[in-house]
Amino acid sequence: MKFPKVIGKRELMHAAIIGSVAGLAGVIFFIILLNSMNSSTEQASNGEEEKVPVQASEETKDDNLSVEFFANQFGVFKSQEAATEFMSQHASLNTSAIVEVDGNYYVWSSITPVKEELILSENPTSFAKTFQFSGAACTEPTLQNLPTYLKSNDPSKFYFEEGKVPDNIPQDWQSITSALSSFSQDLGNARLHLIAHYFSKNDCMKIEF
């Protein structure tokens, strides 16, 4: 009776190599399959993101609530007292206002949406200061739309007869503009004091440089 031939070392090595190759091929196939599944998932996610342009519309809305203005600026100071002292030294600044932004105190004499409308001064020296005035963070519609309303250069949008104040502006508007008209008829100066007032009274209103 003949017994099977004993398997040698060479045959064992060949079998091990063949087994390793087969196992490696299986692992590679599994990785390829997994990557293809991830790629399909990413494409589906990208498709979903393209279908939801909500963020873009919100940014557009916020942009509409922010308006660029130009202030006639005479200086910036570290305290209210220093800004007040500076104004007291110049009689021409008697209708100016001090606007505090981020701990700095700016002395402005007028504000306009058109830079060329500013009448700069040489004594004391002034220059145009560009800023964005925004009501996007406000929940009250009259404050949200205030920057856009103040952009108008129509005097009839600022001064009203008693009892004819529109509903789309803050309630104390009439009292402020009535007081302003007693010492200045300049629309840029009225806009300045209105912005300074509502900015200081409402944390939701923002001034950014």
C-alpha atoms as a PDB file:
ATOM      1  CA  MET A   1       0.000   0.000   0.000  1.00  0.00           C
ATOM      2  CA  LYS A   2       1.342   3.465  -1.051  1.00  0.00           C
ATOM      3  CA  PHE A   3       1.039   6.515   1.196  1.00  0.00           C
ATOM      4  CA  PRO A   4       0.625  10.088  -0.130  1.00  0.00           C
ATOM      5  CA  LYS A   5       3.792  11.986  -0.760  1.00  0.00           C
ATOM      6  CA  VAL A   6       4.799  14.195   2.181  1.00  0.00           C
ATOM      7  CA  ILE A   7       4.371  17.921   1.371  1.00  0.00           C
ATOM      8  CA  GLY A   8       7.702  19.702   1.279  1.00  0.00           C
ATOM      9  CA  LYS A   9       8.701  23.151   2.422  1.00  0.00           C
ATOM     10  CA  ARG A  10       8.538  24.528  -1.130  1.00  0.00           C
ATOM     11  CA  GLU A  11       4.927  23.492  -1.535  1.00  0.00           C
ATOM     12  CA  LEU A  12       4.065  25.059   1.828  1.00  0.00           C
ATOM     13  CA  MET A  13       5.672  28.361   0.801  1.00  0.00           C
ATOM     14  CA  HIS A  14       3.784  28.365  -2.506  1.00  0.00           C
ATOM     15  CA  ALA A  15       0.520  27.734  -0.706  1.00  0.00           C
ATOM     16  CA  ALA A  16       1.243  30.516   1.798  1.00  0.00           C
ATOM     17  CA  ILE A  17       2.062  32.971  -0.979  1.00  0.00           C
ATOM     18  CA  ILE A  18      -1.100  32.083  -2.910  1.00  0.00           C
ATOM     19  CA  GLY A  19      -3.156  32.484   0.268  1.00  0.00           C
ATOM     20  CA  SER A  20      -1.619  35.870   1.041  1.00  0.00           C
ATOM     21  CA  VAL A  21      -2.234  37.134  -2.487  1.00  0.00           C
ATOM     22  CA  ALA A  22      -5.824  35.961  -2.376  1.00  0.00           C
ATOM     23  CA  GLY A  23      -6.335  37.638   1.017  1.00  0.00           C
ATOM     24  CA  LEU A  24      -4.731  40.876  -0.182  1.00  0.00           C
ATOM     25  CA  ALA A  25      -6.928  40.889  -3.274  1.00  0.00           C
ATOM     26  CA  GLY A  26      -9.965  40.517  -1.034  1.00  0.00           C
ATOM     27  CA  VAL A  27      -8.872  43.432   1.157  1.00  0.00           C
ATOM     28  CA  ILE A  28      -8.252  45.651  -1.905  1.00  0.00           C
ATOM     29  CA  PHE A  29     -11.667  44.763  -3.306  1.00  0.00           C
ATOM     30  CA  PHE A  30     -13.279  45.624   0.020  1.00  0.00           C
ATOM     31  CA  ILE A  31     -11.483  49.027   0.156  1.00  0.00           C
ATOM     32  CA  ILE A  32     -12.531  49.839  -3.420  1.00  0.00           C
ATOM     33  CA  LEU A  33     -16.119  48.927  -2.590  1.00  0.00           C
ATOM     34  CA  LEU A  34     -16.052  51.056   0.587  1.00  0.00           C
ATOM     35  CA  ASN A  35     -14.616  54.084  -1.251  1.00  0.00           C
ATOM     36  CA  SER A  36     -17.258  53.839  -3.943  1.00  0.00           C
ATOM     37  CA  MET A  37     -19.962  53.828  -1.255  1.00  0.00           C
ATOM     38  CA  ASN A  38     -18.427  56.912   0.450  1.00  0.00           C
ATOM     39  CA  SER A  39     -18.184  58.709  -2.894  1.00  0.00           C
ATOM     40  CA  SER A  40     -21.876  58.089  -3.539  1.00  0.00           C
ATOM     41  CA  THR A  41     -22.754  59.384  -0.075  1.00  0.00           C
ATOM     42  CA  GLU A  42     -20.670  62.553  -0.578  1.00  0.00           C
ATOM     43  CA  GLN A  43     -22.314  63.230  -3.914  1.00  0.00           C
ATOM     44  CA  ALA A  44     -25.734  62.870  -2.338  1.00  0.00           C
ATOM     45  CA  SER A  45     -24.720  65.252   0.464  1.00  0.00           C
ATOM     46  CA  ASN A  46     -23.406  67.793  -2.017  1.00  0.00           C
ATOM     47  CA  GLY A  47     -26.627  67.576  -3.925  1.00  0.00           C
ATOM     48  CA  GLU A  48     -28.611  68.280  -0.752  1.00  0.00           C
ATOM     49  CA  GLU A  49     -26.439  71.308   0.115  1.00  0.00           C
ATOM     50  CA  GLU A  50     -26.973  72.803  -3.323  1.00  0.00           C
ATOM     51  CA  LYS A  51     -30.721  72.528  -2.870  1.00  0.00           C
ATOM     52  CA  VAL A  52     -30.745  74.607   0.341  1.00  0.00           C
ATOM     53  CA  PRO A  53     -29.577  78.211  -0.424  1.00  0.00           C
ATOM     54  CA  VAL A  54     -31.007  79.493   2.870  1.00  0.00           C
ATOM     55  CA  GLN A  55     -27.752  80.973   4.132  1.00  0.00           C
ATOM     56  CA  ALA A  56     -27.241  83.011   0.979  1.00  0.00           C
ATOM     57  CA  SER A  57     -30.680  84.584   1.265  1.00  0.00           C
ATOM     58  CA  GLU A  58     -30.072  85.456   4.926  1.00  0.00           C
ATOM     59  CA  GLU A  59     -26.799  87.199   4.074  1.00  0.00           C
ATOM     60  CA  THR A  60     -28.549  89.189   1.352  1.00  0.00           C
ATOM     61  CA  LYS A  61     -31.202  90.233   3.840  1.00  0.00           C
ATOM     62  CA  ASP A  62     -28.581  91.385   6.345  1.00  0.00           C
ATOM     63  CA  ASP A  63     -26.783  93.341   3.617  1.00  0.00           C
ATOM     64  CA  ASN A  64     -29.989  95.233   2.908  1.00  0.00           C
ATOM     65  CA  LEU A  65     -30.173  96.306   6.561  1.00  0.00           C
ATOM     66  CA  SER A  66     -26.634  97.720   6.545  1.00  0.00           C
ATOM     67  CA  VAL A  67     -25.893 101.064   4.866  1.00  0.00           C
ATOM     68  CA  GLU A  68     -22.578 102.794   4.138  1.00  0.00           C
ATOM     69  CA  PHE A  69     -22.280 106.359   5.421  1.00  0.00           C
ATOM     70  CA  PHE A  70     -19.548 108.996   5.547  1.00  0.00           C
ATOM     71  CA  ALA A  71     -18.961 111.119   8.646  1.00  0.00           C
ATOM     72  CA  ASN A  72     -17.159 114.455   8.785  1.00  0.00           C
ATOM     73  CA  GLN A  73     -14.682 113.498  11.508  1.00  0.00           C
ATOM     74  CA  PHE A  74     -12.557 115.917  13.552  1.00  0.00           C
ATOM     75  CA  GLY A  75     -10.883 113.505  15.925  1.00  0.00           C
ATOM     76  CA  VAL A  76     -11.033 110.346  18.004  1.00  0.00           C
ATOM     77  CA  PHE A  77     -10.438 110.341  21.755  1.00  0.00           C
ATOM     78  CA  LYS A  78     -10.077 107.835  24.566  1.00  0.00           C
ATOM     79  CA  SER A  79     -12.639 109.482  26.862  1.00  0.00           C
ATOM     80  CA  GLN A  80     -15.855 111.487  26.743  1.00  0.00           C
ATOM     81  CA  GLU A  81     -14.175 114.269  28.688  1.00  0.00           C
ATOM     82  CA  ALA A  82     -11.321 114.632  26.192  1.00  0.00           C
ATOM     83  CA  ALA A  83     -13.747 114.750  23.256  1.00  0.00           C
ATOM     84  CA  THR A  84     -15.929 117.332  25.024  1.00  0.00           C
ATOM     85  CA  GLU A  85     -12.916 119.501  25.851  1.00  0.00           C
ATOM     86  CA  PHE A  86     -11.821 119.422  22.214  1.00  0.00           C
ATOM     87  CA  MET A  87     -15.256 120.526  21.032  1.00  0.00           C
ATOM     88  CA  SER A  88     -15.348 123.367  23.560  1.00  0.00           C
ATOM     89  CA  GLN A  89     -12.145 124.775  22.083  1.00  0.00           C
ATOM     90  CA  HIS A  90     -13.747 125.218  18.639  1.00  0.00           C
ATOM     91  CA  ALA A  91     -16.921 127.284  18.292  1.00  0.00           C
ATOM     92  CA  SER A  92     -17.576 125.793  14.836  1.00  0.00           C
ATOM     93  CA  LEU A  93     -18.225 122.417  16.488  1.00  0.00           C
ATOM     94  CA  ASN A  94     -21.133 123.628  18.617  1.00  0.00           C
ATOM     95  CA  THR A  95     -23.601 121.474  16.646  1.00  0.00           C
ATOM     96  CA  SER A  96     -21.331 118.416  16.454  1.00  0.00           C
ATOM     97  CA  ALA A  97     -21.876 115.150  18.314  1.00  0.00           C
ATOM     98  CA  ILE A  98     -19.712 112.614  20.121  1.00  0.00           C
ATOM     99  CA  VAL A  99     -20.291 109.007  19.028  1.00  0.00           C
ATOM    100  CA  GLU A 100     -18.793 106.205  21.120  1.00  0.00           C
ATOM    101  CA  VAL A 101     -17.795 103.053  19.225  1.00  0.00           C
ATOM    102  CA  ASP A 102     -15.902 100.238  20.974  1.00  0.00           C
ATOM    103  CA  GLY A 103     -14.561 102.517  23.721  1.00  0.00           C
ATOM    104  CA  ASN A 104     -13.393 105.274  21.377  1.00  0.00           C
ATOM    105  CA  TYR A 105     -15.102 108.680  21.184  1.00  0.00           C
ATOM    106  CA  TYR A 106     -15.473 110.182  17.718  1.00  0.00           C
ATOM    107  CA  VAL A 107     -16.259 113.857  17.100  1.00  0.00           C
ATOM    108  CA  TRP A 108     -18.452 114.160  14.008  1.00  0.00           C
ATOM    109  CA  SER A 109     -20.219 117.213  12.589  1.00  0.00           C
ATOM    110  CA  SER A 110     -22.367 115.604   9.886  1.00  0.00           C
ATOM    111  CA  ILE A 111     -23.157 112.305   8.173  1.00  0.00           C
ATOM    112  CA  THR A 112     -24.093 111.666   4.553  1.00  0.00           C
ATOM    113  CA  PRO A 113     -24.523 108.635   2.254  1.00  0.00           C
ATOM    114  CA  VAL A 114     -22.635 110.553  -0.477  1.00  0.00           C
ATOM    115  CA  LYS A 115     -18.973 111.239   0.291  1.00  0.00           C
ATOM    116  CA  GLU A 116     -18.772 114.228  -2.075  1.00  0.00           C
ATOM    117  CA  GLU A 117     -21.430 116.047  -0.031  1.00  0.00           C
ATOM    118  CA  LEU A 118     -19.106 116.446   2.955  1.00  0.00           C
ATOM    119  CA  ILE A 119     -17.698 119.923   3.485  1.00  0.00           C
ATOM    120  CA  LEU A 120     -14.313 119.307   5.068  1.00  0.00           C
ATOM    121  CA  SER A 121     -12.688 121.781   7.418  1.00  0.00           C
ATOM    122  CA  GLU A 122      -9.106 123.013   7.717  1.00  0.00           C
ATOM    123  CA  ASN A 123      -9.393 124.597  11.173  1.00  0.00           C
ATOM    124  CA  PRO A 124      -9.871 122.314  12.935  1.00  0.00           C
ATOM    125  CA  THR A 125      -8.925 119.703  10.368  1.00  0.00           C
ATOM    126  CA  SER A 126     -11.536 117.124   9.381  1.00  0.00           C
ATOM    127  CA  PHE A 127     -11.701 114.171   7.002  1.00  0.00           C
ATOM    128  CA  ALA A 128     -14.253 111.657   5.695  1.00  0.00           C
ATOM    129  CA  LYS A 129     -14.716 108.618   7.925  1.00  0.00           C
ATOM    130  CA  THR A 130     -16.412 105.653   6.225  1.00  0.00           C
ATOM    131  CA  PHE A 131     -18.600 103.337   8.310  1.00  0.00           C
ATOM    132  CA  GLN A 132     -21.427 100.820   8.061  1.00  0.00           C
ATOM    133  CA  PHE A 133     -24.599 101.441  10.061  1.00  0.00           C
ATOM    134  CA  SER A 134     -26.699  98.305  10.554  1.00  0.00           C
ATOM    135  CA  GLY A 135     -29.983  97.349  12.201  1.00  0.00           C
ATOM    136  CA  ALA A 136     -29.781  93.670  11.203  1.00  0.00           C
ATOM    137  CA  ALA A 137     -29.555  92.503  14.837  1.00  0.00           C
ATOM    138  CA  CYS A 138     -32.716  94.384  15.864  1.00  0.00           C
ATOM    139  CA  THR A 139     -36.117  92.723  16.130  1.00  0.00           C
ATOM    140  CA  GLU A 140     -38.104  95.971  15.981  1.00  0.00           C
ATOM    141  CA  PRO A 141     -38.900  96.731  12.300  1.00  0.00           C
ATOM    142  CA  THR A 142     -38.534 100.503  12.751  1.00  0.00           C
ATOM    143  CA  LEU A 143     -34.960  99.969  14.010  1.00  0.00           C
ATOM    144  CA  GLN A 144     -34.120  97.296  11.438  1.00  0.00           C
ATOM    145  CA  ASN A 145     -34.973  99.621   8.579  1.00  0.00           C
ATOM    146  CA  LEU A 146     -33.623 102.795  10.188  1.00  0.00           C
ATOM    147  CA  PRO A 147     -30.254 102.833   8.338  1.00  0.00           C
ATOM    148  CA  THR A 148     -32.029 102.549   4.982  1.00  0.00           C
ATOM    149  CA  TYR A 149     -34.504 105.262   5.951  1.00  0.00           C
ATOM    150  CA  LEU A 150     -31.693 107.590   7.065  1.00  0.00           C
ATOM    151  CA  LYS A 151     -30.007 107.162   3.673  1.00  0.00           C
ATOM    152  CA  SER A 152     -32.622 109.433   2.109  1.00  0.00           C
ATOM    153  CA  ASN A 153     -31.659 112.994   1.183  1.00  0.00           C
ATOM    154  CA  ASP A 154     -35.291 114.121   1.097  1.00  0.00           C
ATOM    155  CA  PRO A 155     -36.011 116.618   3.945  1.00  0.00           C
ATOM    156  CA  SER A 156     -39.658 115.511   3.963  1.00  0.00           C
ATOM    157  CA  LYS A 157     -38.448 112.133   5.264  1.00  0.00           C
ATOM    158  CA  PHE A 158     -36.958 113.840   8.328  1.00  0.00           C
ATOM    159  CA  TYR A 159     -39.314 116.652   9.319  1.00  0.00           C
ATOM    160  CA  PHE A 160     -43.064 116.206   9.745  1.00  0.00           C
ATOM    161  CA  GLU A 161     -46.005 118.289  10.784  1.00  0.00           C
ATOM    162  CA  GLU A 162     -47.514 117.508  14.167  1.00  0.00           C
ATOM    163  CA  GLY A 163     -49.584 114.334  14.036  1.00  0.00           C
ATOM    164  CA  LYS A 164     -48.308 113.262  10.592  1.00  0.00           C
ATOM    165  CA  VAL A 165     -45.389 111.073  11.618  1.00  0.00           C
ATOM    166  CA  PRO A 166     -45.345 107.770   9.626  1.00  0.00           C
ATOM    167  CA  ASP A 167     -45.494 104.423  11.395  1.00  0.00           C
ATOM    168  CA  ASN A 168     -42.226 103.123   9.917  1.00  0.00           C
ATOM    169  CA  ILE A 169     -39.966 105.307  12.104  1.00  0.00           C
ATOM    170  CA  PRO A 170     -39.348 105.259  15.898  1.00  0.00           C
ATOM    171  CA  GLN A 171     -41.885 107.041  18.114  1.00  0.00           C
ATOM    172  CA  ASP A 172     -39.466 109.644  19.503  1.00  0.00           C
ATOM    173  CA  TRP A 173     -38.324 110.765  16.038  1.00  0.00           C
ATOM    174  CA  GLN A 174     -40.591 113.830  16.001  1.00  0.00           C
ATOM    175  CA  SER A 175     -39.330 115.215  19.303  1.00  0.00           C
ATOM    176  CA  ILE A 176     -35.690 114.795  18.239  1.00  0.00           C
ATOM    177  CA  THR A 177     -36.040 116.440  14.827  1.00  0.00           C
ATOM    178  CA  SER A 178     -38.099 119.293  16.308  1.00  0.00           C
ATOM    179  CA  ALA A 179     -35.300 120.047  18.771  1.00  0.00           C
ATOM    180  CA  LEU A 180     -32.664 119.790  15.998  1.00  0.00           C
ATOM    181  CA  SER A 181     -34.467 122.215  13.720  1.00  0.00           C
ATOM    182  CA  SER A 182     -34.158 124.933  16.360  1.00  0.00           C
ATOM    183  CA  PHE A 183     -30.362 125.188  15.890  1.00  0.00           C
ATOM    184  CA  SER A 184     -29.616 123.618  12.479  1.00  0.00           C
ATOM    185  CA  GLN A 185     -31.414 123.043   9.185  1.00  0.00           C
ATOM    186  CA  ASP A 186     -28.575 120.954   7.767  1.00  0.00           C
ATOM    187  CA  LEU A 187     -29.773 117.465   6.804  1.00  0.00           C
ATOM    188  CA  GLY A 188     -26.329 115.930   7.384  1.00  0.00           C
ATOM    189  CA  ASN A 189     -26.299 117.315  10.915  1.00  0.00           C
ATOM    190  CA  ALA A 190     -29.810 116.006  11.599  1.00  0.00           C
ATOM    191  CA  ARG A 191     -28.785 112.569  10.308  1.00  0.00           C
ATOM    192  CA  LEU A 192     -25.746 112.651  12.598  1.00  0.00           C
ATOM    193  CA  HIS A 193     -27.763 113.337  15.746  1.00  0.00           C
ATOM    194  CA  LEU A 194     -30.413 110.760  14.836  1.00  0.00           C
ATOM    195  CA  ILE A 195     -27.771 108.064  14.285  1.00  0.00           C
ATOM    196  CA  ALA A 196     -25.933 109.031  17.481  1.00  0.00           C
ATOM    197  CA  HIS A 197     -29.196 108.898  19.453  1.00  0.00           C
ATOM    198  CA  TYR A 198     -30.531 105.561  18.220  1.00  0.00           C
ATOM    199  CA  PHE A 199     -27.105 103.920  18.219  1.00  0.00           C
ATOM    200  CA  SER A 200     -26.483 104.873  21.857  1.00  0.00           C
ATOM    201  CA  LYS A 201     -29.975 103.808  22.986  1.00  0.00           C
ATOM    202  CA  ASN A 202     -30.170 100.443  21.187  1.00  0.00           C
ATOM    203  CA  ASP A 203     -27.502  97.772  21.579  1.00  0.00           C
ATOM    204  CA  CYS A 204     -28.786  95.957  18.495  1.00  0.00           C
ATOM    205  CA  MET A 205     -27.702  98.791  16.225  1.00  0.00           C
ATOM    206  CA  LYS A 206     -24.117  98.493  14.989  1.00  0.00           C
ATOM    207  CA  ILE A 207     -21.492 100.856  13.633  1.00  0.00           C
ATOM    208  CA  GLU A 208     -18.526  99.161  11.954  1.00  0.00           C
ATOM    209  CA  PHE A 209     -15.501 100.718  10.296  1.00  0.00           C
END
